[in-house]
């Protein structure tokens, strides 16, 4: 049974940095994409970054140059390094998997809160 567990969220000042981690266990299917979503209160869920098994990365325009998605296969962990954080980055961040054969991201972690405030 697959499980995604996010960690690393918290309170940070504008301009600061955080690294989110997503520990993956029980993976028994082929992965099309790994991704990080975020959702702020009253706003739509937004795909922030994605990573293919081949290492291809994509980012939403608002985080390009500031966020980096990466993986450590030996630790079964996906990361989201967030630099130069802005208040508008405040949201619950979710790790997600788009499985091969699925129409969308369909495996989710529980989420971790990121708050950017002075």
N, C-alpha and C. Protein backbone atom coordinates (compact mmCIF):
# COMPACT_ATOMS: atom_id res chain seq x y z
N UNK A 1 0.84 -1.17 0.00
CA UNK A 1 0.00 0.00 0.00
C UNK A 1 0.89 1.24 0.00
N UNK A 2 0.72 2.09 -0.99
CA UNK A 2 1.56 3.27 -1.12
C UNK A 2 1.18 4.30 -0.06
N UNK A 3 2.20 4.99 0.44
CA UNK A 3 1.98 6.04 1.41
C UNK A 3 2.96 7.18 1.13
N UNK A 4 2.45 8.40 1.13
CA UNK A 4 3.26 9.59 0.97
C UNK A 4 3.13 10.42 2.24
N UNK A 5 4.25 10.76 2.83
CA UNK A 5 4.25 11.52 4.07
C UNK A 5 5.13 12.75 3.90
N UNK A 6 4.49 13.93 3.96
CA UNK A 6 5.22 15.18 3.82
C UNK A 6 5.73 15.66 5.18
N UNK A 7 6.82 16.38 5.13
CA UNK A 7 7.36 17.01 6.32
C UNK A 7 8.18 18.23 5.90
N UNK A 8 8.53 19.06 6.85
CA UNK A 8 9.39 20.19 6.60
C UNK A 8 8.71 21.53 6.56
N UNK A 9 7.40 21.55 6.65
CA UNK A 9 6.69 22.81 6.65
C UNK A 9 6.89 23.56 7.96
N UNK A 10 6.45 24.80 7.96
CA UNK A 10 6.57 25.61 9.15
C UNK A 10 6.44 27.07 8.83
N UNK A 11 6.83 27.88 9.79
CA UNK A 11 6.78 29.34 9.66
C UNK A 11 8.15 29.87 9.27
N UNK A 12 8.17 30.70 8.26
CA UNK A 12 9.42 31.29 7.79
C UNK A 12 9.17 32.74 7.39
N UNK A 13 10.18 33.58 7.54
CA UNK A 13 10.06 34.97 7.16
C UNK A 13 10.20 35.14 5.65
N UNK A 14 9.59 36.19 5.10
CA UNK A 14 9.80 36.46 3.67
C UNK A 14 11.28 36.51 3.33
N UNK A 15 11.62 35.91 2.20
CA UNK A 15 13.01 35.82 1.79
C UNK A 15 13.73 34.60 2.31
N UNK A 16 13.11 33.88 3.22
CA UNK A 16 13.72 32.70 3.79
C UNK A 16 13.53 31.47 2.93
N UNK A 17 13.99 30.35 3.45
CA UNK A 17 13.96 29.09 2.72
C UNK A 17 13.41 27.96 3.57
N UNK A 18 12.81 27.00 2.91
CA UNK A 18 12.37 25.76 3.52
C UNK A 18 12.60 24.63 2.52
N UNK A 19 12.82 23.45 3.05
CA UNK A 19 12.86 22.26 2.21
C UNK A 19 11.81 21.28 2.69
N UNK A 20 10.88 20.97 1.81
CA UNK A 20 9.86 19.98 2.08
C UNK A 20 10.34 18.61 1.63
N UNK A 21 9.97 17.60 2.39
CA UNK A 21 10.31 16.23 2.06
C UNK A 21 9.05 15.40 1.92
N UNK A 22 9.10 14.45 1.02
CA UNK A 22 8.00 13.52 0.81
C UNK A 22 8.58 12.12 0.84
N UNK A 23 8.31 11.41 1.90
CA UNK A 23 8.78 10.03 2.04
C UNK A 23 7.78 9.09 1.39
N UNK A 24 8.25 8.29 0.48
CA UNK A 24 7.40 7.39 -0.29
C UNK A 24 7.66 5.96 0.15
N UNK A 25 6.61 5.24 0.44
CA UNK A 25 6.73 3.84 0.80
C UNK A 25 5.62 3.04 0.14
N UNK A 26 5.87 1.77 -0.03
CA UNK A 26 4.87 0.87 -0.56
C UNK A 26 4.54 1.08 -2.03
N UNK A 27 5.47 1.68 -2.77
CA UNK A 27 5.23 1.93 -4.19
C UNK A 27 5.21 0.62 -4.96
N UNK A 28 4.09 0.34 -5.59
CA UNK A 28 3.91 -0.90 -6.33
C UNK A 28 3.33 -0.67 -7.71
N UNK A 29 3.56 0.50 -8.26
CA UNK A 29 3.06 0.83 -9.58
C UNK A 29 4.07 1.72 -10.28
N UNK A 30 3.91 1.88 -11.57
CA UNK A 30 4.79 2.74 -12.34
C UNK A 30 4.36 4.19 -12.20
N UNK A 31 5.35 5.05 -12.06
CA UNK A 31 5.10 6.47 -11.83
C UNK A 31 5.28 7.24 -13.13
N UNK A 32 4.27 8.00 -13.47
CA UNK A 32 4.39 8.91 -14.61
C UNK A 32 5.07 10.20 -14.18
N UNK A 33 4.60 10.77 -13.05
CA UNK A 33 5.14 12.01 -12.53
C UNK A 33 5.03 12.03 -11.01
N UNK A 34 5.99 12.66 -10.38
CA UNK A 34 5.87 13.08 -8.99
C UNK A 34 5.64 14.59 -9.00
N UNK A 35 4.83 15.05 -8.09
CA UNK A 35 4.54 16.47 -8.08
C UNK A 35 4.31 17.03 -6.69
N UNK A 36 4.42 18.33 -6.61
CA UNK A 36 4.06 19.09 -5.42
C UNK A 36 2.93 20.03 -5.78
N UNK A 37 1.82 19.90 -5.08
CA UNK A 37 0.70 20.81 -5.18
C UNK A 37 0.68 21.72 -3.96
N UNK A 38 -0.01 22.82 -4.10
CA UNK A 38 -0.29 23.65 -2.94
C UNK A 38 -1.70 24.20 -3.05
N UNK A 39 -2.28 24.49 -1.90
CA UNK A 39 -3.60 25.07 -1.86
C UNK A 39 -3.69 26.05 -0.70
N UNK A 40 -3.98 27.28 -1.03
CA UNK A 40 -4.20 28.31 -0.04
C UNK A 40 -5.70 28.44 0.23
N UNK A 41 -6.07 28.91 1.41
CA UNK A 41 -7.50 29.07 1.71
C UNK A 41 -8.21 29.91 0.67
N UNK A 42 -9.33 29.42 0.18
CA UNK A 42 -10.11 30.14 -0.79
C UNK A 42 -9.57 30.12 -2.20
N UNK A 43 -8.51 29.38 -2.44
CA UNK A 43 -7.91 29.32 -3.77
C UNK A 43 -7.92 27.90 -4.30
N UNK A 44 -7.79 27.79 -5.61
CA UNK A 44 -7.74 26.49 -6.24
C UNK A 44 -6.43 25.77 -5.96
N UNK A 45 -6.50 24.47 -5.96
CA UNK A 45 -5.31 23.66 -5.87
C UNK A 45 -4.43 23.92 -7.09
N UNK A 46 -3.14 24.04 -6.87
CA UNK A 46 -2.22 24.44 -7.91
C UNK A 46 -1.03 23.49 -7.95
N UNK A 47 -0.73 22.98 -9.13
CA UNK A 47 0.47 22.16 -9.29
C UNK A 47 1.67 23.09 -9.38
N UNK A 48 2.55 22.99 -8.40
CA UNK A 48 3.70 23.89 -8.30
C UNK A 48 4.88 23.36 -9.09
N UNK A 49 5.15 22.07 -8.98
CA UNK A 49 6.33 21.48 -9.60
C UNK A 49 6.08 20.02 -9.88
N UNK A 50 6.72 19.52 -10.92
CA UNK A 50 6.62 18.10 -11.26
C UNK A 50 7.98 17.57 -11.67
N UNK A 51 8.13 16.28 -11.51
CA UNK A 51 9.39 15.60 -11.80
C UNK A 51 9.08 14.26 -12.44
N UNK A 52 9.66 14.02 -13.60
CA UNK A 52 9.46 12.75 -14.28
C UNK A 52 10.52 11.75 -13.83
N UNK A 53 10.29 10.46 -14.08
CA UNK A 53 11.32 9.46 -13.75
C UNK A 53 12.62 9.68 -14.50
N UNK A 54 12.58 10.43 -15.58
CA UNK A 54 13.78 10.71 -16.36
C UNK A 54 14.49 11.98 -15.89
N UNK A 55 13.94 12.66 -14.91
CA UNK A 55 14.56 13.84 -14.37
C UNK A 55 14.07 15.15 -14.94
N UNK A 56 13.10 15.11 -15.82
CA UNK A 56 12.54 16.34 -16.37
C UNK A 56 11.72 17.06 -15.31
N UNK A 57 11.95 18.34 -15.16
CA UNK A 57 11.23 19.15 -14.18
C UNK A 57 10.45 20.25 -14.85
N UNK A 58 9.32 20.60 -14.24
CA UNK A 58 8.51 21.72 -14.69
C UNK A 58 8.00 22.46 -13.47
N UNK A 59 7.82 23.77 -13.63
CA UNK A 59 7.39 24.61 -12.54
C UNK A 59 6.34 25.61 -13.01
N UNK A 60 5.44 25.93 -12.10
CA UNK A 60 4.53 27.01 -12.38
C UNK A 60 5.32 28.32 -12.43
N UNK A 61 4.89 29.25 -13.27
CA UNK A 61 5.67 30.46 -13.49
C UNK A 61 5.99 31.22 -12.20
N UNK A 62 5.08 31.21 -11.27
CA UNK A 62 5.25 32.01 -10.06
C UNK A 62 6.39 31.54 -9.17
N UNK A 63 6.87 30.31 -9.37
CA UNK A 63 7.95 29.79 -8.52
C UNK A 63 9.23 29.52 -9.28
N UNK A 64 9.24 29.73 -10.58
CA UNK A 64 10.43 29.47 -11.36
C UNK A 64 11.61 30.31 -10.86
N UNK A 65 12.73 29.66 -10.72
CA UNK A 65 13.92 30.32 -10.21
C UNK A 65 14.01 30.34 -8.71
N UNK A 66 12.94 29.96 -8.03
CA UNK A 66 12.93 29.97 -6.57
C UNK A 66 12.78 28.57 -5.97
N UNK A 67 12.00 27.71 -6.63
CA UNK A 67 11.74 26.37 -6.11
C UNK A 67 12.45 25.34 -6.97
N UNK A 68 12.86 24.25 -6.34
CA UNK A 68 13.49 23.14 -7.04
C UNK A 68 12.92 21.83 -6.53
N UNK A 69 12.43 21.00 -7.44
CA UNK A 69 11.98 19.66 -7.09
C UNK A 69 13.09 18.68 -7.42
N UNK A 70 13.30 17.72 -6.54
CA UNK A 70 14.35 16.74 -6.73
C UNK A 70 13.98 15.45 -6.04
N UNK A 71 14.77 14.44 -6.24
CA UNK A 71 14.52 13.15 -5.61
C UNK A 71 15.83 12.51 -5.17
N UNK A 72 15.72 11.67 -4.18
CA UNK A 72 16.81 10.82 -3.74
C UNK A 72 16.25 9.41 -3.74
N UNK A 73 16.54 8.67 -4.80
CA UNK A 73 15.96 7.34 -4.95
C UNK A 73 16.43 6.38 -3.88
N UNK A 74 17.66 6.57 -3.38
CA UNK A 74 18.17 5.68 -2.35
C UNK A 74 17.41 5.84 -1.05
N UNK A 75 16.81 7.00 -0.84
CA UNK A 75 16.03 7.26 0.36
C UNK A 75 14.53 7.25 0.11
N UNK A 76 14.14 6.99 -1.13
CA UNK A 76 12.73 6.99 -1.51
C UNK A 76 12.04 8.29 -1.09
N UNK A 77 12.68 9.39 -1.41
CA UNK A 77 12.22 10.68 -0.96
C UNK A 77 12.24 11.70 -2.09
N UNK A 78 11.21 12.51 -2.16
CA UNK A 78 11.12 13.62 -3.08
C UNK A 78 11.16 14.91 -2.28
N UNK A 79 11.86 15.91 -2.79
CA UNK A 79 12.04 17.15 -2.08
C UNK A 79 11.50 18.34 -2.88
N UNK A 80 11.14 19.36 -2.15
CA UNK A 80 10.86 20.65 -2.75
C UNK A 80 11.65 21.70 -1.97
N UNK A 81 12.71 22.19 -2.58
CA UNK A 81 13.50 23.26 -1.99
C UNK A 81 12.87 24.59 -2.38
N UNK A 82 12.54 25.39 -1.39
CA UNK A 82 11.85 26.65 -1.61
C UNK A 82 12.73 27.78 -1.08
N UNK A 83 13.17 28.64 -1.97
CA UNK A 83 14.00 29.78 -1.61
C UNK A 83 13.27 31.07 -1.92
N UNK A 84 13.77 32.15 -1.34
CA UNK A 84 13.20 33.47 -1.57
C UNK A 84 11.69 33.46 -1.39
N UNK A 85 11.26 32.89 -0.30
CA UNK A 85 9.83 32.71 -0.08
C UNK A 85 9.10 34.03 0.08
N UNK A 86 7.89 34.04 -0.43
CA UNK A 86 7.02 35.21 -0.39
C UNK A 86 5.75 34.88 0.37
N UNK A 87 5.08 35.89 0.92
CA UNK A 87 3.83 35.61 1.62
C UNK A 87 2.81 34.86 0.77
N UNK A 88 2.79 35.11 -0.52
CA UNK A 88 1.84 34.43 -1.39
C UNK A 88 2.16 32.95 -1.59
N UNK A 89 3.31 32.50 -1.10
CA UNK A 89 3.62 31.08 -1.11
C UNK A 89 2.94 30.34 0.04
N UNK A 90 2.34 31.06 0.95
CA UNK A 90 1.67 30.44 2.08
C UNK A 90 0.54 29.53 1.60
N UNK A 91 0.59 28.27 2.02
CA UNK A 91 -0.39 27.28 1.58
C UNK A 91 -0.09 25.97 2.28
N UNK A 92 -1.02 25.04 2.13
CA UNK A 92 -0.74 23.65 2.46
C UNK A 92 -0.13 23.01 1.23
N UNK A 93 1.00 22.38 1.40
CA UNK A 93 1.71 21.74 0.30
C UNK A 93 1.52 20.24 0.36
N UNK A 94 1.19 19.65 -0.78
CA UNK A 94 0.92 18.23 -0.88
C UNK A 94 1.85 17.57 -1.87
N UNK A 95 2.39 16.45 -1.49
CA UNK A 95 3.10 15.58 -2.40
C UNK A 95 2.09 14.70 -3.12
N UNK A 96 2.30 14.46 -4.40
CA UNK A 96 1.35 13.68 -5.16
C UNK A 96 2.04 12.86 -6.24
N UNK A 97 1.38 11.79 -6.64
CA UNK A 97 1.88 10.89 -7.67
C UNK A 97 0.86 10.78 -8.79
N UNK A 98 1.33 10.95 -10.01
CA UNK A 98 0.54 10.66 -11.19
C UNK A 98 0.99 9.28 -11.67
N UNK A 99 0.13 8.29 -11.49
CA UNK A 99 0.47 6.94 -11.88
C UNK A 99 0.30 6.73 -13.38
N UNK A 100 1.14 5.87 -13.92
CA UNK A 100 0.96 5.46 -15.31
C UNK A 100 -0.40 4.81 -15.45
N UNK A 101 -1.14 5.24 -16.45
CA UNK A 101 -2.48 4.71 -16.68
C UNK A 101 -3.58 5.51 -16.03
N UNK A 102 -3.25 6.41 -15.13
CA UNK A 102 -4.24 7.26 -14.49
C UNK A 102 -4.42 8.53 -15.31
N UNK A 103 -5.57 9.16 -15.15
CA UNK A 103 -5.88 10.36 -15.90
C UNK A 103 -5.37 11.63 -15.23
N UNK A 104 -4.95 11.52 -13.98
CA UNK A 104 -4.49 12.68 -13.22
C UNK A 104 -3.69 12.19 -12.02
N UNK A 105 -3.14 13.14 -11.27
CA UNK A 105 -2.52 12.79 -9.99
C UNK A 105 -3.59 12.15 -9.11
N UNK A 106 -3.29 11.00 -8.56
CA UNK A 106 -4.31 10.27 -7.82
C UNK A 106 -3.82 9.63 -6.53
N UNK A 107 -2.60 9.88 -6.14
CA UNK A 107 -2.08 9.44 -4.85
C UNK A 107 -1.54 10.66 -4.13
N UNK A 108 -1.97 10.84 -2.89
CA UNK A 108 -1.70 12.09 -2.19
C UNK A 108 -1.16 11.87 -0.79
N UNK A 109 -0.32 12.79 -0.36
CA UNK A 109 0.08 12.83 1.02
C UNK A 109 -0.91 13.63 1.84
N UNK A 110 -0.62 13.76 3.12
CA UNK A 110 -1.54 14.43 4.04
C UNK A 110 -1.39 15.95 4.03
N UNK A 111 -0.30 16.44 3.50
CA UNK A 111 -0.07 17.87 3.42
C UNK A 111 0.76 18.39 4.57
N UNK A 112 1.47 19.48 4.30
CA UNK A 112 2.24 20.16 5.33
C UNK A 112 2.09 21.67 5.14
N UNK A 113 1.86 22.37 6.23
CA UNK A 113 1.58 23.80 6.18
C UNK A 113 2.86 24.60 6.04
N UNK A 114 2.87 25.51 5.09
CA UNK A 114 3.95 26.48 4.92
C UNK A 114 3.36 27.87 5.11
N UNK A 115 3.90 28.60 6.05
CA UNK A 115 3.44 29.96 6.31
C UNK A 115 4.62 30.92 6.18
N UNK A 116 4.48 31.89 5.31
CA UNK A 116 5.53 32.89 5.08
C UNK A 116 5.01 34.23 5.59
N UNK A 117 5.59 34.68 6.66
CA UNK A 117 5.10 35.90 7.30
C UNK A 117 6.20 36.51 8.14
N UNK A 118 6.18 37.84 8.23
CA UNK A 118 7.10 38.55 9.08
C UNK A 118 6.51 38.79 10.46
